[in-house]
Every structure is written in structure tokens, then in C-alpha cells.
Amino acid sequence: MRRRSYEGEADVALLQRFNAESIAATGGCGYLHPGDIVHHLFYGNRAFDPGDLATIWEDESGVAAWVLAHPTFRSYDIQVRHDLRGGAFERDVLEFADARIVEVMKANGVESDVILGDAFRCDLARITLMTELGWKRDDDPPYIINRARIADVPEPEVPDGYRIRSVVGVEEAAEVAAVHQAAFPGAGWTEEQYRCVMESPGYDPARELVAEAADGTFAAFVVTWYDELNRTGLMEAVGTHVDHRQIGLGRAIVRFAAHHMAAAGGMEYATVANSESNVASSALYRSAGFEPWQVLDGYVKPIG
């Protein structure tokens, strides 16, 4: 078994293929959508060098596992090949990840007496190992992955005065950053930061959709990702400008995105996630034609 750090763009495709094949083998229990890998590497961890955060294990069969530290969030992603789950190897990778996130947090000045994690409720082997290693399920509402068969998603009803289209390219980085920031005011997005996201491996402006108001303002957005092997698309991130809410725009762009993924990428299913505590998001996705599919519970572990 060889352990190494992330080495560049080729590893993005490598890890995405690994996750797609793992989903195909397991029906999706325990594995992130391939699009989440790009989103977590370059969106959620935009302030960091991915080579400092991602670790990959490989054997004669290819990728055996990977870990991505999220120092700002005091957490990490861990994905283990399906034939190696629940045993000594997965335990070793979990122990490595527990130690690594603490190390990376300290290196970046993130102070905490706990680390945070999650586990798919269906992944009993992971839950057992985490419990043995001192993790405890927290009291927060779970995270829900919602799914829809795209053929069953109603056609969008776009409010008057708006149109939905793909982003042209990095020349619209300022406008895209502005709508992301207006949807999530605490995110701190700048044009320069979002330009870096748009230039990162795996991002395609044609797969970021925006609702444009009559005055040219970007009023809502959805970034879409494709898993061609499993013909399942992901919407991550999704947001509506604070000045353009309560008019049905969020529902319209989510439905539009689902049908766009089918027409442009051949997707049969669409997925989108939210915390169960976010009642507005839950209602939006139900109204757009999605139903709960997978559940992830949060876990916490003391440091030291």
C-alpha cells in the first residue's frame, strides 16, 4: 500500500472515477458524488493548497482510499474502497485522518477542543469504527441528500422578467461572485476568489446556471456536476440573491438545472442536499420534485 499527497489535476479525475465506481458498486451508500470532490477541493477549501489537505492511498487495484482535510470546518472527508470497508485498513485511515485534521488545524491557527465528522446512516461499518475510535453522534439535525428522477421533475416556470442561462466564462467572475455573496453573505466571496474556482480542474462554466434579471443582475445560481457512469447529476451550490426571494425563482432554477443536466449531460437523476434544519431549503426541493434519499448524521470527537 502506497500513501501519497495530492499531486495535481490528474488526481481530480482519478478520485472522481474512484467515487463513481464506488457508487456503482454500492448504490451510493457512503460515497460523495464525484462533483463534491471538486467542490470541496476548490470551493470549500479555496484558501488552501490542495496538496496540503488531500492524501491518497493506492495498491495494485488502484485507489484504495483518500482523505481531504477541511481545517476551517474542523472536519474531513474520508472515502475507502468498498472491498476494504469495515476492517483494519479503514480503521487505520480513520486514525490517520483524525490525527491529520488536528495537525492541519494547528498549522493554520484553527483552535478547537473537538473535531467534527459525519457518516451515512446506512454505513453501519463506518459508524461502528467511528464509535470505537471515540466519535459520538451529535444532537444536530441530519444532512439530507435529496434525489429526483429527472423525467418526473416538472418543467420550470420562470418568473416574468428573468431568464436562466449558463455562465459564459471567467469574464463573468465578478457577477457570479456577487450573486454567491448575496445568497450567502458570510461567505466572503470576491471576484478574484471566484475566478480561481472557475479556473480550477473539473469546473465548467456551461454547468453553472444563473437566473438573470431584466437589469442584468444575477439573481440566483446553481452549479451542476455530472456523474456519467451513474447518470446522476448534483446541484452544489444552490442559492438565490436576498433581493430576489419569495417569487419562485429558486424552484424555477432548480427545475431548470435538472432538465439541463439531462439534455446537456445525459443525466437520469438529479441530487441536491441540505440540512434538515433548513426548513426553507427542504420546502424548496420538495416543491421542485425531489424526495429524501440518503441521510448523514453529524459526529463529534474530543481532541487529545
Protein backbone atom coordinates (compact mmCIF):
# COMPACT_ATOMS: atom_id res chain seq x y z
CA MET A 1 0.00 0.00 0.00
CA ARG A 2 1.39 3.42 -1.01
CA ARG A 3 0.31 6.67 0.66
CA ARG A 4 0.94 9.99 -1.04
CA SER A 5 -0.26 13.59 -1.18
CA TYR A 6 -2.46 15.08 -3.89
CA GLU A 7 -0.26 15.85 -6.89
CA GLY A 8 -2.38 17.93 -9.26
CA GLU A 9 -5.13 17.97 -11.86
CA ALA A 10 -4.78 14.31 -12.85
CA ASP A 11 -5.72 13.33 -9.30
CA VAL A 12 -9.07 15.14 -9.61
CA ALA A 13 -10.12 12.83 -12.43
CA LEU A 14 -8.63 9.85 -10.58
CA LEU A 15 -10.66 10.49 -7.43
CA GLN A 16 -13.82 11.29 -9.35
CA ARG A 17 -13.57 8.00 -11.22
CA PHE A 18 -12.94 6.19 -7.92
CA ASN A 19 -16.08 7.63 -6.36
CA ALA A 20 -18.23 6.98 -9.42
CA GLU A 21 -17.13 3.34 -9.48
CA SER A 22 -17.71 3.06 -5.72
CA ILE A 23 -21.22 4.43 -6.09
CA ALA A 24 -21.91 1.96 -8.88
CA ALA A 25 -20.76 -0.89 -6.65
CA THR A 26 -22.70 0.14 -3.53
CA GLY A 27 -25.76 2.04 -4.69
CA GLY A 28 -24.32 5.24 -3.25
CA CYS A 29 -24.18 4.37 0.45
CA GLY A 30 -21.18 6.11 1.96
CA TYR A 31 -19.80 7.91 -1.08
CA LEU A 32 -19.72 11.53 -2.18
CA HIS A 33 -20.91 12.45 -5.65
CA PRO A 34 -17.83 12.98 -7.88
CA GLY A 35 -18.77 16.65 -8.19
CA ASP A 36 -18.42 17.08 -4.44
CA ILE A 37 -14.71 16.31 -4.77
CA VAL A 38 -14.10 19.37 -6.94
CA HIS A 39 -16.46 21.46 -4.84
CA HIS A 40 -14.71 20.54 -1.60
CA LEU A 41 -11.19 20.90 -3.00
CA PHE A 42 -11.54 24.28 -4.69
CA TYR A 43 -14.71 25.90 -3.32
CA GLY A 44 -14.88 24.97 0.34
CA ASN A 45 -11.07 24.94 0.71
CA ARG A 46 -10.37 27.83 -1.65
CA ALA A 47 -7.90 29.44 0.78
CA PHE A 48 -5.64 26.36 0.89
CA ASP A 49 -3.28 24.38 -1.31
CA PRO A 50 -4.98 21.03 -2.02
CA GLY A 51 -1.60 19.32 -1.81
CA ASP A 52 -1.55 20.20 1.90
CA LEU A 53 -5.03 18.78 2.52
CA ALA A 54 -5.58 15.67 0.38
CA THR A 55 -3.98 12.25 0.93
CA ILE A 56 -4.38 9.21 -1.34
CA TRP A 57 -3.74 5.51 -0.70
CA GLU A 58 -3.08 3.22 -3.67
CA ASP A 59 -2.49 -0.51 -4.10
CA GLU A 60 -2.28 -2.88 -7.06
CA SER A 61 -6.01 -2.37 -7.73
CA GLY A 62 -5.76 1.43 -7.87
CA VAL A 63 -7.05 3.96 -5.35
CA ALA A 64 -7.74 2.29 -2.02
CA ALA A 65 -8.80 5.38 -0.05
CA TRP A 66 -8.50 9.15 0.13
CA VAL A 67 -8.82 11.79 2.84
CA LEU A 68 -9.40 15.52 2.45
CA ALA A 69 -8.92 17.75 5.49
CA HIS A 70 -11.17 20.80 5.95
CA PRO A 71 -9.29 22.91 8.53
CA THR A 72 -11.75 25.81 8.58
CA PHE A 73 -14.62 23.43 9.30
CA ARG A 74 -12.60 21.23 11.70
CA SER A 75 -13.57 18.15 9.68
CA TYR A 76 -12.54 15.89 6.83
CA ASP A 77 -13.83 13.67 4.03
CA ILE A 78 -12.80 10.02 4.05
CA GLN A 79 -13.59 7.56 1.25
CA VAL A 80 -12.49 3.91 1.36
CA ARG A 81 -12.82 1.40 -1.48
CA HIS A 82 -15.86 -0.81 -1.00
CA ASP A 83 -13.89 -4.06 -0.69
CA LEU A 84 -11.79 -2.56 2.12
CA ARG A 85 -14.57 -1.06 4.23
CA GLY A 86 -15.17 -2.03 7.82
CA GLY A 87 -11.80 -3.64 8.51
CA ALA A 88 -8.32 -2.85 9.76
CA PHE A 89 -7.42 -0.72 6.75
CA GLU A 90 -10.40 1.60 7.13
CA ARG A 91 -9.64 1.88 10.83
CA ASP A 92 -6.05 2.88 10.04
CA VAL A 93 -7.23 5.51 7.55
CA LEU A 94 -9.67 6.91 10.10
CA GLU A 95 -6.92 7.15 12.72
CA PHE A 96 -4.69 8.90 10.19
CA ALA A 97 -7.47 11.34 9.31
CA ASP A 98 -8.20 12.12 12.97
CA ALA A 99 -4.56 13.00 13.56
CA ARG A 100 -4.13 14.81 10.24
CA ILE A 101 -7.04 17.21 10.69
CA VAL A 102 -5.73 18.23 14.10
CA GLU A 103 -2.27 18.78 12.61
CA VAL A 104 -3.62 20.90 9.74
CA MET A 105 -5.86 22.91 12.06
CA LYS A 106 -2.91 23.77 14.31
CA ALA A 107 -0.78 24.71 11.29
CA ASN A 108 -3.47 27.16 10.19
CA GLY A 109 -4.30 28.64 13.57
CA VAL A 110 -7.69 26.97 13.94
CA GLU A 111 -8.34 26.48 17.65
CA SER A 112 -10.83 23.90 18.90
CA ASP A 113 -11.16 21.19 21.51
CA VAL A 114 -13.17 18.94 19.15
CA ILE A 115 -13.17 17.74 15.57
CA LEU A 116 -16.35 17.18 13.56
CA GLY A 117 -17.37 14.39 11.21
CA ASP A 118 -20.32 12.69 9.59
CA ALA A 119 -21.41 9.27 8.41
CA PHE A 120 -24.10 7.97 6.11
CA ARG A 121 -26.77 6.42 8.30
CA CYS A 122 -26.72 3.34 6.07
CA ASP A 123 -22.95 2.81 6.54
CA LEU A 124 -23.02 0.69 9.68
CA ALA A 125 -19.40 -0.44 9.28
CA ARG A 126 -18.15 3.18 9.32
CA ILE A 127 -20.36 4.06 12.26
CA THR A 128 -19.04 1.10 14.25
CA LEU A 129 -15.42 2.07 13.60
CA MET A 130 -16.01 5.72 14.44
CA THR A 131 -17.71 4.76 17.69
CA GLU A 132 -14.78 2.51 18.63
CA LEU A 133 -12.41 5.43 17.96
CA GLY A 134 -14.25 7.79 20.30
CA TRP A 135 -16.69 9.55 17.97
CA LYS A 136 -20.19 10.29 19.24
CA ARG A 137 -23.24 11.24 17.23
CA ASP A 138 -24.16 14.87 17.83
CA ASP A 139 -27.60 16.32 18.52
CA ASP A 140 -27.82 18.44 15.37
CA PRO A 141 -30.41 17.69 12.68
CA PRO A 142 -29.06 15.37 9.98
CA TYR A 143 -27.95 16.29 6.49
CA ILE A 144 -30.30 15.08 3.76
CA ILE A 145 -29.37 14.14 0.20
CA ASN A 146 -32.45 14.55 -1.95
CA ARG A 147 -32.92 12.84 -5.30
CA ALA A 148 -35.33 13.09 -8.23
CA ARG A 149 -35.81 11.15 -11.44
CA ILE A 150 -35.41 13.99 -13.90
CA ALA A 151 -38.20 12.75 -16.15
CA ASP A 152 -40.55 13.28 -13.19
CA VAL A 153 -39.40 16.85 -12.44
CA PRO A 154 -41.95 19.42 -13.67
CA GLU A 155 -40.84 21.93 -16.27
CA PRO A 156 -39.70 25.24 -14.74
CA GLU A 157 -41.98 28.24 -14.51
CA VAL A 158 -39.57 31.16 -14.75
CA PRO A 159 -40.92 34.37 -13.16
CA ASP A 160 -41.61 37.24 -15.54
CA GLY A 161 -38.61 39.47 -16.14
CA TYR A 162 -36.00 36.73 -15.64
CA ARG A 163 -34.16 34.29 -17.88
CA ILE A 164 -31.97 31.32 -16.96
CA ARG A 165 -28.74 30.58 -18.80
CA SER A 166 -25.25 29.16 -18.43
CA VAL A 167 -22.38 31.35 -17.30
CA VAL A 168 -20.29 32.47 -20.27
CA GLY A 169 -16.87 32.14 -18.63
CA VAL A 170 -14.34 33.80 -16.33
CA GLU A 171 -15.25 37.18 -17.81
CA GLU A 172 -18.39 36.97 -15.65
CA ALA A 173 -16.50 36.10 -12.46
CA ALA A 174 -17.42 39.39 -10.79
CA GLU A 175 -21.14 38.92 -11.41
CA VAL A 176 -21.07 35.28 -10.33
CA ALA A 177 -19.12 36.11 -7.17
CA ALA A 178 -21.66 38.85 -6.39
CA VAL A 179 -24.67 36.52 -6.53
CA HIS A 180 -22.88 33.87 -4.45
CA GLN A 181 -22.07 36.53 -1.87
CA ALA A 182 -25.60 37.95 -1.92
CA ALA A 183 -27.05 34.47 -1.37
CA PHE A 184 -24.59 33.62 1.42
CA PRO A 185 -23.44 36.93 2.95
CA GLY A 186 -20.97 35.31 5.32
CA ALA A 187 -19.05 33.51 2.58
CA GLY A 188 -16.70 36.39 1.76
CA TRP A 189 -16.62 35.82 -1.99
CA THR A 190 -14.56 38.18 -4.17
CA GLU A 191 -14.13 38.29 -7.93
CA GLU A 192 -10.55 37.03 -7.62
CA GLN A 193 -11.58 34.09 -5.44
CA TYR A 194 -14.34 33.01 -7.77
CA ARG A 195 -12.12 33.40 -10.81
CA CYS A 196 -9.80 30.85 -9.18
CA VAL A 197 -12.76 28.50 -8.68
CA MET A 198 -13.75 28.91 -12.33
CA GLU A 199 -10.20 28.08 -13.42
CA SER A 200 -9.89 25.01 -11.20
CA PRO A 201 -9.85 21.44 -12.58
CA GLY A 202 -13.29 20.00 -13.18
CA TYR A 203 -15.23 23.29 -13.24
CA ASP A 204 -17.12 24.12 -16.46
CA PRO A 205 -18.94 27.47 -16.75
CA ALA A 206 -21.52 25.81 -19.00
CA ARG A 207 -22.60 23.81 -15.96
CA GLU A 208 -23.10 26.85 -13.73
CA LEU A 209 -26.56 28.26 -14.36
CA VAL A 210 -27.72 31.73 -13.39
CA ALA A 211 -31.08 33.46 -13.33
CA GLU A 212 -30.60 36.91 -14.82
CA ALA A 213 -32.95 39.79 -14.05
CA ALA A 214 -34.04 42.31 -16.65
CA ASP A 215 -31.39 44.78 -15.49
CA GLY A 216 -28.63 42.18 -15.93
CA THR A 217 -28.28 41.37 -12.22
CA PHE A 218 -27.60 37.71 -11.45
CA ALA A 219 -30.47 36.78 -9.14
CA ALA A 220 -29.91 33.05 -8.48
CA PHE A 221 -27.42 30.32 -9.34
CA VAL A 222 -26.93 26.56 -9.42
CA VAL A 223 -23.59 24.83 -10.02
CA THR A 224 -24.15 21.40 -11.56
CA TRP A 225 -21.87 18.37 -11.67
CA TYR A 226 -22.11 15.15 -13.67
CA ASP A 227 -21.51 11.52 -12.78
CA GLU A 228 -21.63 9.99 -16.26
CA LEU A 229 -21.13 6.42 -15.02
CA ASN A 230 -24.20 6.51 -12.77
CA ARG A 231 -26.03 9.11 -14.89
CA THR A 232 -26.65 11.20 -11.80
CA GLY A 233 -26.18 14.94 -11.55
CA LEU A 234 -25.50 17.01 -8.44
CA MET A 235 -26.52 20.59 -7.68
CA GLU A 236 -23.90 22.16 -5.39
CA ALA A 237 -24.01 25.04 -4.61
CA VAL A 238 -27.54 26.49 -4.94
CA GLY A 239 -28.52 30.00 -3.91
CA THR A 240 -30.83 32.96 -4.51
CA HIS A 241 -29.91 36.63 -4.11
CA VAL A 242 -31.55 38.07 -0.98
CA ASP A 243 -33.34 40.71 -3.09
CA HIS A 244 -34.96 38.14 -5.38
CA ARG A 245 -36.51 35.64 -2.98
CA GLN A 246 -40.13 34.57 -2.40
CA ILE A 247 -41.07 34.78 -6.10
CA GLY A 248 -40.47 31.16 -7.14
CA LEU A 249 -37.05 31.80 -8.66
CA GLY A 250 -35.26 29.16 -6.59
CA ARG A 251 -37.74 26.45 -7.60
CA ALA A 252 -37.52 27.54 -11.23
CA ILE A 253 -33.74 27.38 -11.44
CA VAL A 254 -33.56 24.02 -9.64
CA ARG A 255 -36.07 22.50 -12.05
CA PHE A 256 -34.31 24.14 -14.99
CA ALA A 257 -30.97 22.74 -13.80
CA ALA A 258 -32.37 19.21 -13.59
CA HIS A 259 -33.61 19.29 -17.17
CA HIS A 260 -30.41 20.98 -18.33
CA MET A 261 -28.36 18.13 -16.84
CA ALA A 262 -30.48 15.63 -18.74
CA ALA A 263 -30.29 17.47 -22.05
CA ALA A 264 -26.62 18.50 -21.89
CA GLY A 265 -25.12 15.59 -19.96
CA GLY A 266 -27.47 12.64 -20.30
CA MET A 267 -28.26 12.52 -16.59
CA GLU A 268 -31.27 10.45 -15.49
CA TYR A 269 -31.27 11.51 -11.82
CA ALA A 270 -30.53 14.75 -10.01
CA THR A 271 -29.42 15.18 -6.40
CA VAL A 272 -29.19 18.14 -4.05
CA ALA A 273 -28.52 18.30 -0.31
CA ASN A 274 -29.49 20.39 2.68
CA SER A 275 -29.52 20.30 6.45
CA GLU A 276 -32.81 19.08 7.84
CA SER A 277 -32.76 22.22 9.99
CA ASN A 278 -33.03 24.38 6.86
CA VAL A 279 -36.80 24.31 6.51
CA ALA A 280 -36.79 26.72 3.56
CA SER A 281 -34.40 24.56 1.54
CA SER A 282 -36.35 21.40 2.37
CA ALA A 283 -39.56 23.04 1.17
CA LEU A 284 -37.86 24.32 -1.99
CA TYR A 285 -36.55 20.91 -3.00
CA ARG A 286 -39.86 19.19 -2.23
CA SER A 287 -41.65 21.77 -4.38
CA ALA A 288 -39.14 21.20 -7.18
CA GLY A 289 -39.87 17.46 -7.24
CA PHE A 290 -37.14 15.98 -5.01
CA GLU A 291 -37.52 13.48 -2.19
CA PRO A 292 -35.12 12.49 0.64
CA TRP A 293 -32.76 9.70 -0.40
CA GLN A 294 -29.70 9.40 1.88
CA VAL A 295 -29.19 10.67 5.44
CA LEU A 296 -25.88 11.76 7.01
CA ASP A 297 -25.58 12.24 10.75
CA GLY A 298 -23.05 14.51 12.39
CA TYR A 299 -20.41 13.20 14.82
CA VAL A 300 -18.04 14.91 17.25
CA LYS A 301 -14.79 13.79 18.88
CA PRO A 302 -12.69 15.50 21.56
CA ILE A 303 -9.12 16.39 20.65
CA GLY A 304 -6.49 14.81 22.81
